[in-house]
Amino acid sequence: MQKKLTRLLMLLVVLLSFTSCSIIEGIFKAGVGVGIFIVIAVLTIIAFIVSKIFSRK
């Protein structure tokens, strides 16, 4: 029982030490980075496919 209470208190301290704005900001920054990476990867794949199609002629 003592271990569960200690863990619960540690979790509460961690949650209260972070402001919600900084957590959300970190999530959105990571999301933007991943989104840009995916867009660049898709554009690269499309350019590769188009170059292969037009190089056959």
C-alpha atoms as a PDB file:
ATOM      1  CA  MET A   1       0.000   0.000   0.000  1.00  0.00           C
ATOM      2  CA  GLN A   2       2.871   2.344   0.814  1.00  0.00           C
ATOM      3  CA  LYS A   3       4.451   1.808  -2.623  1.00  0.00           C
ATOM      4  CA  LYS A   4       1.194   2.625  -4.401  1.00  0.00           C
ATOM      5  CA  LEU A   5       0.769   5.796  -2.384  1.00  0.00           C
ATOM      6  CA  THR A   6       4.356   6.839  -3.087  1.00  0.00           C
ATOM      7  CA  ARG A   7       3.916   6.234  -6.813  1.00  0.00           C
ATOM      8  CA  LEU A   8       0.667   8.168  -6.841  1.00  0.00           C
ATOM      9  CA  LEU A   9       2.272  11.113  -5.074  1.00  0.00           C
ATOM     10  CA  MET A  10       5.251  11.064  -7.462  1.00  0.00           C
ATOM     11  CA  LEU A  11       2.870  11.059 -10.430  1.00  0.00           C
ATOM     12  CA  LEU A  12       0.957  13.970  -8.951  1.00  0.00           C
ATOM     13  CA  VAL A  13       4.169  15.965  -8.433  1.00  0.00           C
ATOM     14  CA  VAL A  14       5.268  15.311 -12.022  1.00  0.00           C
ATOM     15  CA  LEU A  15       1.886  16.287 -13.433  1.00  0.00           C
ATOM     16  CA  LEU A  16       1.754  19.486 -11.419  1.00  0.00           C
ATOM     17  CA  SER A  17       5.321  20.470 -12.259  1.00  0.00           C
ATOM     18  CA  PHE A  18       4.523  20.645 -15.982  1.00  0.00           C
ATOM     19  CA  THR A  19       2.198  23.329 -17.163  1.00  0.00           C
ATOM     20  CA  SER A  20      -0.380  22.164 -19.642  1.00  0.00           C
ATOM     21  CA  CYS A  21       0.718  24.761 -22.186  1.00  0.00           C
ATOM     22  CA  SER A  22       4.275  23.457 -22.330  1.00  0.00           C
ATOM     23  CA  ILE A  23       3.069  19.878 -22.767  1.00  0.00           C
ATOM     24  CA  ILE A  24       0.711  20.851 -25.600  1.00  0.00           C
ATOM     25  CA  GLU A  25       3.446  22.962 -27.191  1.00  0.00           C
ATOM     26  CA  GLY A  26       5.783  19.963 -27.228  1.00  0.00           C
ATOM     27  CA  ILE A  27       3.135  17.749 -28.783  1.00  0.00           C
ATOM     28  CA  PHE A  28       2.425  20.249 -31.550  1.00  0.00           C
ATOM     29  CA  LYS A  29       6.115  20.821 -32.270  1.00  0.00           C
ATOM     30  CA  ALA A  30       6.630  17.083 -32.660  1.00  0.00           C
ATOM     31  CA  GLY A  31       3.521  16.847 -34.830  1.00  0.00           C
ATOM     32  CA  VAL A  32       4.708  19.611 -37.144  1.00  0.00           C
ATOM     33  CA  GLY A  33       8.110  17.974 -37.533  1.00  0.00           C
ATOM     34  CA  VAL A  34       6.607  14.587 -38.340  1.00  0.00           C
ATOM     35  CA  GLY A  35       4.114  16.182 -40.752  1.00  0.00           C
ATOM     36  CA  ILE A  36       6.855  17.987 -42.671  1.00  0.00           C
ATOM     37  CA  PHE A  37       8.894  14.788 -42.866  1.00  0.00           C
ATOM     38  CA  ILE A  38       5.918  12.825 -44.244  1.00  0.00           C
ATOM     39  CA  VAL A  39       5.132  15.485 -46.863  1.00  0.00           C
ATOM     40  CA  ILE A  40       8.751  15.556 -48.052  1.00  0.00           C
ATOM     41  CA  ALA A  41       8.866  11.752 -48.186  1.00  0.00           C
ATOM     42  CA  VAL A  42       5.638  11.551 -50.224  1.00  0.00           C
ATOM     43  CA  LEU A  43       6.805  14.260 -52.649  1.00  0.00           C
ATOM     44  CA  THR A  44      10.114  12.446 -53.097  1.00  0.00           C
ATOM     45  CA  ILE A  45       8.352   9.161 -53.864  1.00  0.00           C
ATOM     46  CA  ILE A  46       6.027  10.866 -56.359  1.00  0.00           C
ATOM     47  CA  ALA A  47       8.982  12.571 -58.080  1.00  0.00           C
ATOM     48  CA  PHE A  48      10.817   9.240 -58.263  1.00  0.00           C
ATOM     49  CA  ILE A  49       7.791   7.480 -59.817  1.00  0.00           C
ATOM     50  CA  VAL A  50       7.229  10.284 -62.328  1.00  0.00           C
ATOM     51  CA  SER A  51      10.889  10.276 -63.350  1.00  0.00           C
ATOM     52  CA  LYS A  52      10.785   6.505 -63.895  1.00  0.00           C
ATOM     53  CA  ILE A  53       7.627   6.764 -66.005  1.00  0.00           C
ATOM     54  CA  PHE A  54       8.988   9.537 -68.248  1.00  0.00           C
ATOM     55  CA  SER A  55      12.481   8.039 -68.596  1.00  0.00           C
ATOM     56  CA  ARG A  56      11.094   5.005 -70.468  1.00  0.00           C
ATOM     57  CA  LYS A  57      10.119   7.088 -73.506  1.00  0.00           C
END
